Amino acid sequence: MIRSLLTMLTILFCVQVHAQTKNISGTVLDDTEAPLYGVTVTLQDTKTVTQTDANGKFTIDVPEEGNAQLVFSYTGYKAQTAA
């Protein structure tokens, strides 16, 4: 358990950023406006991924240039893309 956690942390700290990025943050809510915990937020066509916290909040780095597309996926819900 500890070994896999250390491996995961090592991988996270080894990610290199090759372009200028900006930080995007937001909150994911369900249709009753309750926060959703554990929603996967992915920068489309990349390996950049994060998850929402217990309050439905997330932050993710996206390239400053271009039109970033975020894909939101969650068990029991249809994945949605937002620009």
PDB file of N, CA and C in Angstrom:
ATOM      1  N   MET A   1       0.833  -1.192   0.000  1.00  0.00           N
ATOM      2  CA  MET A   1       0.000   0.000   0.000  1.00  0.00           C
ATOM      3  C   MET A   1       0.874   1.251   0.000  1.00  0.00           C
ATOM      4  N   ILE A   2       1.820   1.320   0.929  1.00  0.00           N
ATOM      5  CA  ILE A   2       2.699   2.483   1.003  1.00  0.00           C
ATOM      6  C   ILE A   2       3.579   2.549  -0.241  1.00  0.00           C
ATOM      7  N   ARG A   3       4.032   1.400  -0.731  1.00  0.00           N
ATOM      8  CA  ARG A   3       4.875   1.373  -1.921  1.00  0.00           C
ATOM      9  C   ARG A   3       4.128   1.940  -3.133  1.00  0.00           C
ATOM     10  N   SER A   4       2.863   1.537  -3.315  1.00  0.00           N
ATOM     11  CA  SER A   4       2.104   2.038  -4.458  1.00  0.00           C
ATOM     12  C   SER A   4       1.804   3.525  -4.305  1.00  0.00           C
ATOM     13  N   LEU A   5       1.590   4.000  -3.078  1.00  0.00           N
ATOM     14  CA  LEU A   5       1.367   5.419  -2.841  1.00  0.00           C
ATOM     15  C   LEU A   5       2.618   6.215  -3.183  1.00  0.00           C
ATOM     16  N   LEU A   6       3.779   5.720  -2.752  1.00  0.00           N
ATOM     17  CA  LEU A   6       5.033   6.408  -3.071  1.00  0.00           C
ATOM     18  C   LEU A   6       5.291   6.411  -4.574  1.00  0.00           C
ATOM     19  N   THR A   7       4.978   5.318  -5.243  1.00  0.00           N
ATOM     20  CA  THR A   7       5.139   5.260  -6.694  1.00  0.00           C
ATOM     21  C   THR A   7       4.243   6.289  -7.358  1.00  0.00           C
ATOM     22  N   MET A   8       2.994   6.387  -6.899  1.00  0.00           N
ATOM     23  CA  MET A   8       2.067   7.351  -7.463  1.00  0.00           C
ATOM     24  C   MET A   8       2.559   8.774  -7.258  1.00  0.00           C
ATOM     25  N   LEU A   9       3.034   9.086  -6.068  1.00  0.00           N
ATOM     26  CA  LEU A   9       3.544  10.428  -5.794  1.00  0.00           C
ATOM     27  C   LEU A   9       4.763  10.738  -6.652  1.00  0.00           C
ATOM     28  N   THR A  10       5.626   9.757  -6.833  1.00  0.00           N
ATOM     29  CA  THR A  10       6.805   9.954  -7.671  1.00  0.00           C
ATOM     30  C   THR A  10       6.393  10.268  -9.100  1.00  0.00           C
ATOM     31  N   ILE A  11       5.421   9.541  -9.623  1.00  0.00           N
ATOM     32  CA  ILE A  11       4.947   9.788 -10.978  1.00  0.00           C
ATOM     33  C   ILE A  11       4.356  11.187 -11.085  1.00  0.00           C
ATOM     34  N   LEU A  12       3.566  11.594 -10.093  1.00  0.00           N
ATOM     35  CA  LEU A  12       2.953  12.914 -10.128  1.00  0.00           C
ATOM     36  C   LEU A  12       3.994  14.026 -10.127  1.00  0.00           C
ATOM     37  N   PHE A  13       5.069  13.869  -9.370  1.00  0.00           N
ATOM     38  CA  PHE A  13       6.081  14.900  -9.292  1.00  0.00           C
ATOM     39  C   PHE A  13       7.030  14.901 -10.488  1.00  0.00           C
ATOM     40  N   CYS A  14       7.013  13.847 -11.291  1.00  0.00           N
ATOM     41  CA  CYS A  14       7.890  13.769 -12.456  1.00  0.00           C
ATOM     42  C   CYS A  14       7.260  14.331 -13.727  1.00  0.00           C
ATOM     43  N   VAL A  15       6.007  14.712 -13.665  1.00  0.00           N
ATOM     44  CA  VAL A  15       5.349  15.268 -14.847  1.00  0.00           C
ATOM     45  C   VAL A  15       5.997  16.601 -15.190  1.00  0.00           C
ATOM     46  N   GLN A  16       6.361  16.758 -16.444  1.00  0.00           N
ATOM     47  CA  GLN A  16       6.985  17.987 -16.891  1.00  0.00           C
ATOM     48  C   GLN A  16       6.004  18.782 -17.735  1.00  0.00           C
ATOM     49  N   VAL A  17       6.046  20.095 -17.580  1.00  0.00           N
ATOM     50  CA  VAL A  17       5.192  20.968 -18.372  1.00  0.00           C
ATOM     51  C   VAL A  17       6.059  21.607 -19.446  1.00  0.00           C
ATOM     52  N   HIS A  18       5.651  21.452 -20.713  1.00  0.00           N
ATOM     53  CA  HIS A  18       6.452  21.944 -21.823  1.00  0.00           C
ATOM     54  C   HIS A  18       5.928  23.252 -22.402  1.00  0.00           C
ATOM     55  N   ALA A  19       4.766  23.706 -22.009  1.00  0.00           N
ATOM     56  CA  ALA A  19       4.195  24.928 -22.562  1.00  0.00           C
ATOM     57  C   ALA A  19       3.677  25.797 -21.417  1.00  0.00           C
ATOM     58  N   GLN A  20       3.413  27.050 -21.742  1.00  0.00           N
ATOM     59  CA  GLN A  20       2.829  27.941 -20.747  1.00  0.00           C
ATOM     60  C   GLN A  20       1.421  27.453 -20.431  1.00  0.00           C
ATOM     61  N   THR A  21       1.091  27.430 -19.147  1.00  0.00           N
ATOM     62  CA  THR A  21      -0.228  26.951 -18.743  1.00  0.00           C
ATOM     63  C   THR A  21      -0.922  27.979 -17.861  1.00  0.00           C
ATOM     64  N   LYS A  22      -2.221  27.816 -17.748  1.00  0.00           N
ATOM     65  CA  LYS A  22      -3.007  28.599 -16.806  1.00  0.00           C
ATOM     66  C   LYS A  22      -3.836  27.628 -15.986  1.00  0.00           C
ATOM     67  N   ASN A  23      -4.200  28.047 -14.805  1.00  0.00           N
ATOM     68  CA  ASN A  23      -4.941  27.207 -13.885  1.00  0.00           C
ATOM     69  C   ASN A  23      -6.426  27.489 -14.016  1.00  0.00           C
ATOM     70  N   ILE A  24      -7.204  26.439 -14.228  1.00  0.00           N
ATOM     71  CA  ILE A  24      -8.659  26.538 -14.298  1.00  0.00           C
ATOM     72  C   ILE A  24      -9.223  25.860 -13.055  1.00  0.00           C
ATOM     73  N   SER A  25     -10.197  26.484 -12.431  1.00  0.00           N
ATOM     74  CA  SER A  25     -10.831  25.864 -11.270  1.00  0.00           C
ATOM     75  C   SER A  25     -12.342  25.986 -11.408  1.00  0.00           C
ATOM     76  N   GLY A  26     -13.038  25.129 -10.710  1.00  0.00           N
ATOM     77  CA  GLY A  26     -14.491  25.164 -10.766  1.00  0.00           C
ATOM     78  C   GLY A  26     -15.099  24.219  -9.766  1.00  0.00           C
ATOM     79  N   THR A  27     -16.405  24.113  -9.818  1.00  0.00           N
ATOM     80  CA  THR A  27     -17.163  23.248  -8.925  1.00  0.00           C
ATOM     81  C   THR A  27     -18.141  22.435  -9.766  1.00  0.00           C
ATOM     82  N   VAL A  28     -18.222  21.145  -9.498  1.00  0.00           N
ATOM     83  CA  VAL A  28     -19.149  20.265 -10.208  1.00  0.00           C
ATOM     84  C   VAL A  28     -20.314  19.942  -9.268  1.00  0.00           C
ATOM     85  N   LEU A  29     -21.517  20.235  -9.768  1.00  0.00           N
ATOM     86  CA  LEU A  29     -22.739  20.014  -8.987  1.00  0.00           C
ATOM     87  C   LEU A  29     -23.673  19.079  -9.746  1.00  0.00           C
ATOM     88  N   ASP A  30     -24.518  18.340  -9.010  1.00  0.00           N
ATOM     89  CA  ASP A  30     -25.527  17.522  -9.673  1.00  0.00           C
ATOM     90  C   ASP A  30     -26.752  18.384  -9.960  1.00  0.00           C
ATOM     91  N   ASP A  31     -27.820  17.779 -10.463  1.00  0.00           N
ATOM     92  CA  ASP A  31     -29.002  18.549 -10.851  1.00  0.00           C
ATOM     93  C   ASP A  31     -29.776  19.131  -9.672  1.00  0.00           C
ATOM     94  N   THR A  32     -29.439  18.706  -8.438  1.00  0.00           N
ATOM     95  CA  THR A  32     -30.041  19.306  -7.247  1.00  0.00           C
ATOM     96  C   THR A  32     -29.096  20.330  -6.615  1.00  0.00           C
ATOM     97  N   GLU A  33     -28.000  20.623  -7.328  1.00  0.00           N
ATOM     98  CA  GLU A  33     -26.962  21.572  -6.912  1.00  0.00           C
ATOM     99  C   GLU A  33     -26.155  21.091  -5.708  1.00  0.00           C
ATOM    100  N   ALA A  34     -26.122  19.776  -5.500  1.00  0.00           N
ATOM    101  CA  ALA A  34     -25.255  19.183  -4.475  1.00  0.00           C
ATOM    102  C   ALA A  34     -23.893  18.921  -5.113  1.00  0.00           C
ATOM    103  N   PRO A  35     -22.794  19.173  -4.391  1.00  0.00           N
ATOM    104  CA  PRO A  35     -21.462  18.935  -4.957  1.00  0.00           C
ATOM    105  C   PRO A  35     -21.215  17.447  -5.204  1.00  0.00           C
ATOM    106  N   LEU A  36     -20.494  17.153  -6.295  1.00  0.00           N
ATOM    107  CA  LEU A  36     -20.164  15.768  -6.624  1.00  0.00           C
ATOM    108  C   LEU A  36     -18.693  15.511  -6.312  1.00  0.00           C
ATOM    109  N   TYR A  37     -18.434  14.540  -5.448  1.00  0.00           N
ATOM    110  CA  TYR A  37     -17.087  14.137  -5.055  1.00  0.00           C
ATOM    111  C   TYR A  37     -16.585  13.045  -5.991  1.00  0.00           C
ATOM    112  N   GLY A  38     -15.353  13.173  -6.463  1.00  0.00           N
ATOM    113  CA  GLY A  38     -14.733  12.113  -7.245  1.00  0.00           C
ATOM    114  C   GLY A  38     -15.005  12.159  -8.736  1.00  0.00           C
ATOM    115  N   VAL A  39     -15.522  13.289  -9.238  1.00  0.00           N
ATOM    116  CA  VAL A  39     -15.702  13.425 -10.680  1.00  0.00           C
ATOM    117  C   VAL A  39     -14.317  13.543 -11.315  1.00  0.00           C
ATOM    118  N   THR A  40     -14.082  12.782 -12.377  1.00  0.00           N
ATOM    119  CA  THR A  40     -12.811  12.850 -13.091  1.00  0.00           C
ATOM    120  C   THR A  40     -12.887  13.972 -14.113  1.00  0.00           C
ATOM    121  N   VAL A  41     -11.902  14.877 -14.063  1.00  0.00           N
ATOM    122  CA  VAL A  41     -11.824  16.002 -14.994  1.00  0.00           C
ATOM    123  C   VAL A  41     -10.548  15.811 -15.806  1.00  0.00           C
ATOM    124  N   THR A  42     -10.703  15.676 -17.130  1.00  0.00           N
ATOM    125  CA  THR A  42      -9.581  15.387 -18.016  1.00  0.00           C
ATOM    126  C   THR A  42      -9.462  16.475 -19.071  1.00  0.00           C
ATOM    127  N   LEU A  43      -8.239  16.929 -19.321  1.00  0.00           N
ATOM    128  CA  LEU A  43      -7.985  17.811 -20.451  1.00  0.00           C
ATOM    129  C   LEU A  43      -8.004  16.930 -21.689  1.00  0.00           C
ATOM    130  N   GLN A  44      -8.979  17.152 -22.572  1.00  0.00           N
ATOM    131  CA  GLN A  44      -9.222  16.269 -23.715  1.00  0.00           C
ATOM    132  C   GLN A  44      -7.959  16.060 -24.547  1.00  0.00           C
ATOM    133  N   ASP A  45      -7.757  14.809 -24.970  1.00  0.00           N
ATOM    134  CA  ASP A  45      -6.634  14.388 -25.810  1.00  0.00           C
ATOM    135  C   ASP A  45      -5.279  14.525 -25.125  1.00  0.00           C
ATOM    136  N   THR A  46      -5.266  14.530 -23.792  1.00  0.00           N
ATOM    137  CA  THR A  46      -4.015  14.574 -23.027  1.00  0.00           C
ATOM    138  C   THR A  46      -4.108  13.577 -21.874  1.00  0.00           C
ATOM    139  N   LYS A  47      -3.045  13.512 -21.094  1.00  0.00           N
ATOM    140  CA  LYS A  47      -3.025  12.687 -19.884  1.00  0.00           C
ATOM    141  C   LYS A  47      -3.190  13.548 -18.630  1.00  0.00           C
ATOM    142  N   THR A  48      -3.587  14.810 -18.802  1.00  0.00           N
ATOM    143  CA  THR A  48      -3.792  15.721 -17.682  1.00  0.00           C
ATOM    144  C   THR A  48      -5.153  15.444 -17.066  1.00  0.00           C
ATOM    145  N   VAL A  49      -5.139  14.994 -15.808  1.00  0.00           N
ATOM    146  CA  VAL A  49      -6.366  14.556 -15.133  1.00  0.00           C
ATOM    147  C   VAL A  49      -6.353  15.035 -13.684  1.00  0.00           C
ATOM    148  N   THR A  50      -7.534  15.329 -13.165  1.00  0.00           N
ATOM    149  CA  THR A  50      -7.705  15.614 -11.741  1.00  0.00           C
ATOM    150  C   THR A  50      -9.075  15.094 -11.326  1.00  0.00           C
ATOM    151  N   GLN A  51      -9.368  15.183 -10.036  1.00  0.00           N
ATOM    152  CA  GLN A  51     -10.684  14.782  -9.529  1.00  0.00           C
ATOM    153  C   GLN A  51     -11.217  15.860  -8.609  1.00  0.00           C
ATOM    154  N   THR A  52     -12.541  15.911  -8.503  1.00  0.00           N
ATOM    155  CA  THR A  52     -13.159  16.862  -7.594  1.00  0.00           C
ATOM    156  C   THR A  52     -12.998  16.396  -6.154  1.00  0.00           C
ATOM    157  N   ASP A  53     -12.940  17.377  -5.245  1.00  0.00           N
ATOM    158  CA  ASP A  53     -12.824  17.051  -3.822  1.00  0.00           C
ATOM    159  C   ASP A  53     -14.219  16.868  -3.219  1.00  0.00           C
ATOM    160  N   ALA A  54     -14.295  16.769  -1.907  1.00  0.00           N
ATOM    161  CA  ALA A  54     -15.565  16.520  -1.221  1.00  0.00           C
ATOM    162  C   ALA A  54     -16.573  17.650  -1.431  1.00  0.00           C
ATOM    163  N   ASN A  55     -16.094  18.832  -1.794  1.00  0.00           N
ATOM    164  CA  ASN A  55     -16.970  19.972  -2.053  1.00  0.00           C
ATOM    165  C   ASN A  55     -17.262  20.155  -3.536  1.00  0.00           C
ATOM    166  N   GLY A  56     -16.851  19.185  -4.359  1.00  0.00           N
ATOM    167  CA  GLY A  56     -17.076  19.262  -5.798  1.00  0.00           C
ATOM    168  C   GLY A  56     -16.106  20.176  -6.522  1.00  0.00           C
ATOM    169  N   LYS A  57     -15.081  20.665  -5.820  1.00  0.00           N
ATOM    170  CA  LYS A  57     -14.140  21.629  -6.412  1.00  0.00           C
ATOM    171  C   LYS A  57     -12.964  20.910  -7.081  1.00  0.00           C
ATOM    172  N   PHE A  58     -12.457  21.530  -8.165  1.00  0.00           N
ATOM    173  CA  PHE A  58     -11.297  20.998  -8.872  1.00  0.00           C
ATOM    174  C   PHE A  58     -10.444  22.144  -9.392  1.00  0.00           C
ATOM    175  N   THR A  59      -9.174  21.849  -9.642  1.00  0.00           N
ATOM    176  CA  THR A  59      -8.268  22.752 -10.356  1.00  0.00           C
ATOM    177  C   THR A  59      -7.479  21.900 -11.335  1.00  0.00           C
ATOM    178  N   ILE A  60      -7.186  22.472 -12.502  1.00  0.00           N
ATOM    179  CA  ILE A  60      -6.430  21.752 -13.524  1.00  0.00           C
ATOM    180  C   ILE A  60      -5.666  22.774 -14.359  1.00  0.00           C
ATOM    181  N   ASP A  61      -4.461  22.422 -14.761  1.00  0.00           N
ATOM    182  CA  ASP A  61      -3.659  23.280 -15.620  1.00  0.00           C
ATOM    183  C   ASP A  61      -3.973  22.989 -17.078  1.00  0.00           C
ATOM    184  N   VAL A  62      -4.216  24.059 -17.851  1.00  0.00           N
ATOM    185  CA  VAL A  62      -4.491  23.929 -19.281  1.00  0.00           C
ATOM    186  C   VAL A  62      -3.560  24.865 -20.031  1.00  0.00           C
ATOM    187  N   PRO A  63      -3.279  24.586 -21.303  1.00  0.00           N
ATOM    188  CA  PRO A  63      -2.420  25.478 -22.085  1.00  0.00           C
ATOM    189  C   PRO A  63      -3.050  26.862 -22.222  1.00  0.00           C
ATOM    190  N   GLU A  64      -2.205  27.908 -22.165  1.00  0.00           N
ATOM    191  CA  GLU A  64      -2.709  29.270 -22.348  1.00  0.00           C
ATOM    192  C   GLU A  64      -3.222  29.467 -23.765  1.00  0.00           C
ATOM    193  N   GLU A  65      -2.551  28.876 -24.724  1.00  0.00           N
ATOM    194  CA  GLU A  65      -2.936  29.014 -26.124  1.00  0.00           C
ATOM    195  C   GLU A  65      -3.930  27.926 -26.507  1.00  0.00           C
ATOM    196  N   GLY A  66      -4.833  28.238 -27.419  1.00  0.00           N
ATOM    197  CA  GLY A  66      -5.757  27.232 -27.931  1.00  0.00           C
ATOM    198  C   GLY A  66      -7.050  27.172 -27.149  1.00  0.00           C
ATOM    199  N   ASN A  67      -7.888  26.258 -27.560  1.00  0.00           N
ATOM    200  CA  ASN A  67      -9.213  26.084 -26.978  1.00  0.00           C
ATOM    201  C   ASN A  67      -9.231  24.795 -26.160  1.00  0.00           C
ATOM    202  N   ALA A  68      -9.044  24.920 -24.863  1.00  0.00           N
ATOM    203  CA  ALA A  68      -9.011  23.741 -23.988  1.00  0.00           C
ATOM    204  C   ALA A  68     -10.406  23.156 -23.837  1.00  0.00           C
ATOM    205  N   GLN A  69     -10.498  21.843 -23.975  1.00  0.00           N
ATOM    206  CA  GLN A  69     -11.747  21.116 -23.790  1.00  0.00           C
ATOM    207  C   GLN A  69     -11.588  20.223 -22.564  1.00  0.00           C
ATOM    208  N   LEU A  70     -12.459  20.378 -21.579  1.00  0.00           N
ATOM    209  CA  LEU A  70     -12.431  19.541 -20.388  1.00  0.00           C
ATOM    210  C   LEU A  70     -13.537  18.500 -20.485  1.00  0.00           C
ATOM    211  N   VAL A  71     -13.192  17.260 -20.137  1.00  0.00           N
ATOM    212  CA  VAL A  71     -14.162  16.173 -20.143  1.00  0.00           C
ATOM    213  C   VAL A  71     -14.432  15.786 -18.689  1.00  0.00           C
ATOM    214  N   PHE A  72     -15.710  15.802 -18.301  1.00  0.00           N
ATOM    215  CA  PHE A  72     -16.132  15.465 -16.949  1.00  0.00           C
ATOM    216  C   PHE A  72     -16.811  14.101 -16.994  1.00  0.00           C
ATOM    217  N   SER A  73     -16.295  13.158 -16.213  1.00  0.00           N
ATOM    218  CA  SER A  73     -16.900  11.823 -16.184  1.00  0.00           C
ATOM    219  C   SER A  73     -17.090  11.375 -14.738  1.00  0.00           C
ATOM    220  N   TYR A  74     -18.195  10.637 -14.528  1.00  0.00           N
ATOM    221  CA  TYR A  74     -18.573  10.211 -13.186  1.00  0.00           C
ATOM    222  C   TYR A  74     -19.460   8.988 -13.314  1.00  0.00           C
ATOM    223  N   THR A  75     -19.269   8.028 -12.462  1.00  0.00           N
ATOM    224  CA  THR A  75     -20.053   6.798 -12.507  1.00  0.00           C
ATOM    225  C   THR A  75     -21.548   7.115 -12.399  1.00  0.00           C
ATOM    226  N   GLY A  76     -22.316   6.571 -13.331  1.00  0.00           N
ATOM    227  CA  GLY A  76     -23.754   6.774 -13.320  1.00  0.00           C
ATOM    228  C   GLY A  76     -24.220   7.986 -14.096  1.00  0.00           C
ATOM    229  N   TYR A  77     -23.269   8.775 -14.628  1.00  0.00           N
ATOM    230  CA  TYR A  77     -23.596   9.966 -15.398  1.00  0.00           C
ATOM    231  C   TYR A  77     -22.960   9.870 -16.773  1.00  0.00           C
ATOM    232  N   LYS A  78     -23.554  10.501 -17.768  1.00  0.00           N
ATOM    233  CA  LYS A  78     -22.980  10.571 -19.097  1.00  0.00           C
ATOM    234  C   LYS A  78     -21.847  11.589 -19.087  1.00  0.00           C
ATOM    235  N   ALA A  79     -20.697  11.238 -19.676  1.00  0.00           N
ATOM    236  CA  ALA A  79     -19.555  12.156 -19.732  1.00  0.00           C
ATOM    237  C   ALA A  79     -19.960  13.404 -20.507  1.00  0.00           C
ATOM    238  N   GLN A  80     -19.465  14.568 -20.053  1.00  0.00           N
ATOM    239  CA  GLN A  80     -19.773  15.833 -20.713  1.00  0.00           C
ATOM    240  C   GLN A  80     -18.483  16.573 -20.992  1.00  0.00           C
ATOM    241  N   THR A  81     -18.469  17.299 -22.115  1.00  0.00           N
ATOM    242  CA  THR A  81     -17.311  18.092 -22.518  1.00  0.00           C
ATOM    243  C   THR A  81     -17.681  19.572 -22.420  1.00  0.00           C
ATOM    244  N   ALA A  82     -16.747  20.365 -21.906  1.00  0.00           N
ATOM    245  CA  ALA A  82     -16.961  21.811 -21.803  1.00  0.00           C
ATOM    246  C   ALA A  82     -15.720  22.529 -22.315  1.00  0.00           C
ATOM    247  N   ALA A  83     -15.936  23.669 -22.965  1.00  0.00           N
ATOM    248  CA  ALA A  83     -14.821  24.461 -23.488  1.00  0.00           C
ATOM    249  C   ALA A  83     -14.550  25.620 -22.564  1.00  0.00           C
TER     250      ALA A  83
END
